[in-house]
Amino acid sequence: MVQFLIHSNGMVDASSIKIAKSSGKAILDRNAIDAVLDAIPFELPPKEELEIAIPVVFKLKS
């Protein structure tokens, strides 16, 4: 679960991104944060700022 703050311009400060619930693996947690950074800019939020927490699901293939 990753949590972050979307500003009124659709941008996210990297410092606002945090792991709300860890996967138990540092590399997966880091990739969840990187996924948020790669998705910037987001659509404009319905109000001035929007704090959001979303689950990130990984499918590992061998």
PDB file of N, CA and C in Angstrom:
ATOM      1  N   MET A   1       0.861  -1.164   0.000  1.00  0.00           N
ATOM      2  CA  MET A   1       0.000   0.000   0.000  1.00  0.00           C
ATOM      3  C   MET A   1       0.909   1.228   0.000  1.00  0.00           C
ATOM      4  N   VAL A   2       0.711   2.095  -0.976  1.00  0.00           N
ATOM      5  CA  VAL A   2       1.517   3.304  -1.074  1.00  0.00           C
ATOM      6  C   VAL A   2       0.600   4.508  -0.889  1.00  0.00           C
ATOM      7  N   GLN A   3       1.091   5.521  -0.191  1.00  0.00           N
ATOM      8  CA  GLN A   3       0.309   6.712   0.141  1.00  0.00           C
ATOM      9  C   GLN A   3       1.083   7.943  -0.316  1.00  0.00           C
ATOM     10  N   PHE A   4       0.354   8.934  -0.875  1.00  0.00           N
ATOM     11  CA  PHE A   4       1.004  10.153  -1.342  1.00  0.00           C
ATOM     12  C   PHE A   4      -0.008  11.271  -1.476  1.00  0.00           C
ATOM     13  N   LEU A   5       0.483  12.496  -1.671  1.00  0.00           N
ATOM     14  CA  LEU A   5      -0.329  13.696  -1.771  1.00  0.00           C
ATOM     15  C   LEU A   5      -0.228  14.242  -3.189  1.00  0.00           C
ATOM     16  N   ILE A   6      -1.397  14.380  -3.841  1.00  0.00           N
ATOM     17  CA  ILE A   6      -1.442  14.979  -5.178  1.00  0.00           C
ATOM     18  C   ILE A   6      -1.807  16.453  -5.005  1.00  0.00           C
ATOM     19  N   HIS A   7      -0.967  17.348  -5.515  1.00  0.00           N
ATOM     20  CA  HIS A   7      -1.222  18.783  -5.427  1.00  0.00           C
ATOM     21  C   HIS A   7      -2.220  19.220  -6.502  1.00  0.00           C
ATOM     22  N   SER A   8      -2.695  20.434  -6.394  1.00  0.00           N
ATOM     23  CA  SER A   8      -3.724  20.956  -7.298  1.00  0.00           C
ATOM     24  C   SER A   8      -3.290  20.961  -8.758  1.00  0.00           C
ATOM     25  N   ASN A   9      -1.972  20.939  -9.018  1.00  0.00           N
ATOM     26  CA  ASN A   9      -1.465  20.921 -10.395  1.00  0.00           C
ATOM     27  C   ASN A   9      -1.185  19.507 -10.906  1.00  0.00           C
ATOM     28  N   GLY A  10      -1.548  18.487 -10.124  1.00  0.00           N
ATOM     29  CA  GLY A  10      -1.348  17.101 -10.526  1.00  0.00           C
ATOM     30  C   GLY A  10       0.027  16.549 -10.192  1.00  0.00           C
ATOM     31  N   MET A  11       0.858  17.351  -9.567  1.00  0.00           N
ATOM     32  CA  MET A  11       2.210  16.920  -9.225  1.00  0.00           C
ATOM     33  C   MET A  11       2.238  16.302  -7.827  1.00  0.00           C
ATOM     34  N   VAL A  12       3.275  15.517  -7.578  1.00  0.00           N
ATOM     35  CA  VAL A  12       3.481  14.845  -6.292  1.00  0.00           C
ATOM     36  C   VAL A  12       4.908  15.117  -5.849  1.00  0.00           C
ATOM     37  N   ASP A  13       5.069  15.565  -4.619  1.00  0.00           N
ATOM     38  CA  ASP A  13       6.413  15.701  -4.051  1.00  0.00           C
ATOM     39  C   ASP A  13       6.902  14.318  -3.653  1.00  0.00           C
ATOM     40  N   ALA A  14       8.093  13.973  -4.078  1.00  0.00           N
ATOM     41  CA  ALA A  14       8.642  12.659  -3.747  1.00  0.00           C
ATOM     42  C   ALA A  14       8.671  12.438  -2.236  1.00  0.00           C
ATOM     43  N   SER A  15       8.834  13.522  -1.477  1.00  0.00           N
ATOM     44  CA  SER A  15       8.908  13.384  -0.018  1.00  0.00           C
ATOM     45  C   SER A  15       7.562  12.995   0.600  1.00  0.00           C
ATOM     46  N   SER A  16       6.455  13.168  -0.149  1.00  0.00           N
ATOM     47  CA  SER A  16       5.142  12.805   0.395  1.00  0.00           C
ATOM     48  C   SER A  16       4.805  11.331   0.146  1.00  0.00           C
ATOM     49  N   ILE A  17       5.596  10.647  -0.663  1.00  0.00           N
ATOM     50  CA  ILE A  17       5.317   9.248  -0.984  1.00  0.00           C
ATOM     51  C   ILE A  17       5.866   8.361   0.128  1.00  0.00           C
ATOM     52  N   LYS A  18       4.985   7.515   0.667  1.00  0.00           N
ATOM     53  CA  LYS A  18       5.449   6.600   1.706  1.00  0.00           C
ATOM     54  C   LYS A  18       4.722   5.267   1.580  1.00  0.00           C
ATOM     55  N   ILE A  19       5.355   4.255   2.087  1.00  0.00           N
ATOM     56  CA  ILE A  19       4.769   2.922   2.107  1.00  0.00           C
ATOM     57  C   ILE A  19       3.872   2.836   3.343  1.00  0.00           C
ATOM     58  N   ALA A  20       2.560   2.727   3.113  1.00  0.00           N
ATOM     59  CA  ALA A  20       1.605   2.639   4.221  1.00  0.00           C
ATOM     60  C   ALA A  20       1.565   1.224   4.786  1.00  0.00           C
ATOM     61  N   LYS A  21       1.768   0.242   3.923  1.00  0.00           N
ATOM     62  CA  LYS A  21       1.847  -1.156   4.359  1.00  0.00           C
ATOM     63  C   LYS A  21       2.884  -1.839   3.473  1.00  0.00           C
ATOM     64  N   SER A  22       3.932  -2.320   4.065  1.00  0.00           N
ATOM     65  CA  SER A  22       5.032  -2.919   3.321  1.00  0.00           C
ATOM     66  C   SER A  22       4.679  -4.292   2.756  1.00  0.00           C
ATOM     67  N   SER A  23       5.298  -4.587   1.629  1.00  0.00           N
ATOM     68  CA  SER A  23       5.163  -5.918   1.037  1.00  0.00           C
ATOM     69  C   SER A  23       6.035  -6.927   1.776  1.00  0.00           C
ATOM     70  N   GLY A  24       6.962  -6.412   2.564  1.00  0.00           N
ATOM     71  CA  GLY A  24       7.917  -7.274   3.248  1.00  0.00           C
ATOM     72  C   GLY A  24       9.224  -7.419   2.474  1.00  0.00           C
ATOM     73  N   LYS A  25       9.239  -6.883   1.262  1.00  0.00           N
ATOM     74  CA  LYS A  25      10.444  -6.930   0.421  1.00  0.00           C
ATOM     75  C   LYS A  25      10.803  -5.510   0.010  1.00  0.00           C
ATOM     76  N   ALA A  26      12.010  -5.076   0.347  1.00  0.00           N
ATOM     77  CA  ALA A  26      12.435  -3.706   0.067  1.00  0.00           C
ATOM     78  C   ALA A  26      12.383  -3.379  -1.415  1.00  0.00           C
ATOM     79  N   ILE A  27      12.747  -4.321  -2.274  1.00  0.00           N
ATOM     80  CA  ILE A  27      12.766  -4.049  -3.713  1.00  0.00           C
ATOM     81  C   ILE A  27      11.347  -3.809  -4.256  1.00  0.00           C
ATOM     82  N   LEU A  28      10.354  -4.531  -3.736  1.00  0.00           N
ATOM     83  CA  LEU A  28       8.973  -4.320  -4.173  1.00  0.00           C
ATOM     84  C   LEU A  28       8.431  -2.995  -3.647  1.00  0.00           C
ATOM     85  N   ASP A  29       8.764  -2.656  -2.415  1.00  0.00           N
ATOM     86  CA  ASP A  29       8.348  -1.366  -1.859  1.00  0.00           C
ATOM     87  C   ASP A  29       8.946  -0.222  -2.681  1.00  0.00           C
ATOM     88  N   ARG A  30      10.210  -0.348  -3.037  1.00  0.00           N
ATOM     89  CA  ARG A  30      10.864   0.694  -3.836  1.00  0.00           C
ATOM     90  C   ARG A  30      10.213   0.803  -5.218  1.00  0.00           C
ATOM     91  N   ASN A  31       9.864  -0.323  -5.810  1.00  0.00           N
ATOM     92  CA  ASN A  31       9.211  -0.304  -7.121  1.00  0.00           C
ATOM     93  C   ASN A  31       7.816   0.311  -7.049  1.00  0.00           C
ATOM     94  N   ALA A  32       7.121   0.160  -5.936  1.00  0.00           N
ATOM     95  CA  ALA A  32       5.812   0.797  -5.757  1.00  0.00           C
ATOM     96  C   ALA A  32       5.970   2.313  -5.732  1.00  0.00           C
ATOM     97  N   ILE A  33       6.985   2.799  -5.052  1.00  0.00           N
ATOM     98  CA  ILE A  33       7.275   4.240  -5.026  1.00  0.00           C
ATOM     99  C   ILE A  33       7.653   4.723  -6.421  1.00  0.00           C
ATOM    100  N   ASP A  34       8.489   3.960  -7.123  1.00  0.00           N
ATOM    101  CA  ASP A  34       8.893   4.331  -8.482  1.00  0.00           C
ATOM    102  C   ASP A  34       7.699   4.380  -9.436  1.00  0.00           C
ATOM    103  N   ALA A  35       6.713   3.504  -9.230  1.00  0.00           N
ATOM    104  CA  ALA A  35       5.516   3.502 -10.071  1.00  0.00           C
ATOM    105  C   ALA A  35       4.736   4.807  -9.912  1.00  0.00           C
ATOM    106  N   VAL A  36       4.658   5.308  -8.690  1.00  0.00           N
ATOM    107  CA  VAL A  36       3.998   6.602  -8.460  1.00  0.00           C
ATOM    108  C   VAL A  36       4.774   7.700  -9.163  1.00  0.00           C
ATOM    109  N   LEU A  37       6.083   7.715  -9.011  1.00  0.00           N
ATOM    110  CA  LEU A  37       6.909   8.744  -9.652  1.00  0.00           C
ATOM    111  C   LEU A  37       6.794   8.686 -11.170  1.00  0.00           C
ATOM    112  N   ASP A  38       6.707   7.500 -11.731  1.00  0.00           N
ATOM    113  CA  ASP A  38       6.573   7.349 -13.189  1.00  0.00           C
ATOM    114  C   ASP A  38       5.220   7.821 -13.700  1.00  0.00           C
ATOM    115  N   ALA A  39       4.200   7.815 -12.835  1.00  0.00           N
ATOM    116  CA  ALA A  39       2.840   8.194 -13.245  1.00  0.00           C
ATOM    117  C   ALA A  39       2.599   9.708 -13.200  1.00  0.00           C
ATOM    118  N   ILE A  40       3.528  10.462 -12.659  1.00  0.00           N
ATOM    119  CA  ILE A  40       3.390  11.917 -12.560  1.00  0.00           C
ATOM    120  C   ILE A  40       3.509  12.529 -13.952  1.00  0.00           C
ATOM    121  N   PRO A  41       2.679  13.501 -14.318  1.00  0.00           N
ATOM    122  CA  PRO A  41       1.646  14.155 -13.519  1.00  0.00           C
ATOM    123  C   PRO A  41       0.340  13.378 -13.561  1.00  0.00           C
ATOM    124  N   PHE A  42      -0.407  13.456 -12.459  1.00  0.00           N
ATOM    125  CA  PHE A  42      -1.725  12.851 -12.366  1.00  0.00           C
ATOM    126  C   PHE A  42      -2.766  13.835 -12.889  1.00  0.00           C
ATOM    127  N   GLU A  43      -3.979  13.332 -13.131  1.00  0.00           N
ATOM    128  CA  GLU A  43      -5.077  14.235 -13.460  1.00  0.00           C
ATOM    129  C   GLU A  43      -5.291  15.167 -12.268  1.00  0.00           C
ATOM    130  N   LEU A  44      -5.825  16.335 -12.538  1.00  0.00           N
ATOM    131  CA  LEU A  44      -6.028  17.300 -11.461  1.00  0.00           C
ATOM    132  C   LEU A  44      -7.046  16.762 -10.466  1.00  0.00           C
ATOM    133  N   PRO A  45      -6.738  16.892  -9.174  1.00  0.00           N
ATOM    134  CA  PRO A  45      -7.665  16.386  -8.154  1.00  0.00           C
ATOM    135  C   PRO A  45      -8.922  17.251  -8.086  1.00  0.00           C
ATOM    136  N   PRO A  46     -10.015  16.715  -7.531  1.00  0.00           N
ATOM    137  CA  PRO A  46     -11.269  17.461  -7.459  1.00  0.00           C
ATOM    138  C   PRO A  46     -11.246  18.624  -6.477  1.00  0.00           C
ATOM    139  N   LYS A  47     -10.259  18.647  -5.599  1.00  0.00           N
ATOM    140  CA  LYS A  47     -10.100  19.774  -4.682  1.00  0.00           C
ATOM    141  C   LYS A  47      -8.640  20.183  -4.690  1.00  0.00           C
ATOM    142  N   GLU A  48      -8.267  21.122  -3.843  1.00  0.00           N
ATOM    143  CA  GLU A  48      -6.926  21.689  -3.889  1.00  0.00           C
ATOM    144  C   GLU A  48      -5.821  20.648  -3.781  1.00  0.00           C
ATOM    145  N   GLU A  49      -5.929  19.764  -2.832  1.00  0.00           N
ATOM    146  CA  GLU A  49      -4.960  18.675  -2.673  1.00  0.00           C
ATOM    147  C   GLU A  49      -5.723  17.401  -2.334  1.00  0.00           C
ATOM    148  N   LEU A  50      -5.134  16.281  -2.686  1.00  0.00           N
ATOM    149  CA  LEU A  50      -5.789  15.005  -2.432  1.00  0.00           C
ATOM    150  C   LEU A  50      -4.758  14.019  -1.908  1.00  0.00           C
ATOM    151  N   GLU A  51      -4.978  13.539  -0.691  1.00  0.00           N
ATOM    152  CA  GLU A  51      -4.116  12.490  -0.147  1.00  0.00           C
ATOM    153  C   GLU A  51      -4.764  11.163  -0.513  1.00  0.00           C
ATOM    154  N   ILE A  52      -3.966  10.284  -1.062  1.00  0.00           N
ATOM    155  CA  ILE A  52      -4.499   9.024  -1.572  1.00  0.00           C
ATOM    156  C   ILE A  52      -3.631   7.868  -1.088  1.00  0.00           C
ATOM    157  N   ALA A  53      -4.262   6.740  -0.845  1.00  0.00           N
ATOM    158  CA  ALA A  53      -3.556   5.505  -0.515  1.00  0.00           C
ATOM    159  C   ALA A  53      -4.085   4.439  -1.460  1.00  0.00           C
ATOM    160  N   ILE A  54      -3.183   3.797  -2.183  1.00  0.00           N
ATOM    161  CA  ILE A  54      -3.606   2.786  -3.144  1.00  0.00           C
ATOM    162  C   ILE A  54      -2.811   1.497  -2.952  1.00  0.00           C
ATOM    163  N   PRO A  55      -3.478   0.375  -3.159  1.00  0.00           N
ATOM    164  CA  PRO A  55      -2.749  -0.889  -3.108  1.00  0.00           C
ATOM    165  C   PRO A  55      -1.975  -1.087  -4.407  1.00  0.00           C
ATOM    166  N   VAL A  56      -0.808  -1.635  -4.300  1.00  0.00           N
ATOM    167  CA  VAL A  56       0.002  -1.966  -5.480  1.00  0.00           C
ATOM    168  C   VAL A  56       0.167  -3.482  -5.471  1.00  0.00           C
ATOM    169  N   VAL A  57      -0.220  -4.104  -6.573  1.00  0.00           N
ATOM    170  CA  VAL A  57      -0.155  -5.556  -6.682  1.00  0.00           C
ATOM    171  C   VAL A  57       0.907  -5.919  -7.725  1.00  0.00           C
ATOM    172  N   PHE A  58       1.817  -6.771  -7.341  1.00  0.00           N
ATOM    173  CA  PHE A  58       2.857  -7.248  -8.250  1.00  0.00           C
ATOM    174  C   PHE A  58       2.575  -8.690  -8.623  1.00  0.00           C
ATOM    175  N   LYS A  59       2.791  -9.011  -9.879  1.00  0.00           N
ATOM    176  CA  LYS A  59       2.720 -10.395 -10.328  1.00  0.00           C
ATOM    177  C   LYS A  59       4.128 -10.777 -10.775  1.00  0.00           C
ATOM    178  N   LEU A  60       4.703 -11.706 -10.063  1.00  0.00           N
ATOM    179  CA  LEU A  60       6.068 -12.134 -10.356  1.00  0.00           C
ATOM    180  C   LEU A  60       6.044 -13.350 -11.257  1.00  0.00           C
ATOM    181  N   LYS A  61       6.832 -13.283 -12.299  1.00  0.00           N
ATOM    182  CA  LYS A  61       6.931 -14.413 -13.237  1.00  0.00           C
ATOM    183  C   LYS A  61       8.338 -14.973 -13.141  1.00  0.00           C
ATOM    184  N   SER A  62       8.444 -16.271 -13.198  1.00  0.00           N
ATOM    185  CA  SER A  62       9.775 -16.887 -13.125  1.00  0.00           C
ATOM    186  C   SER A  62      10.220 -17.351 -14.498  1.00  0.00           C
TER     187      SER A  62
END
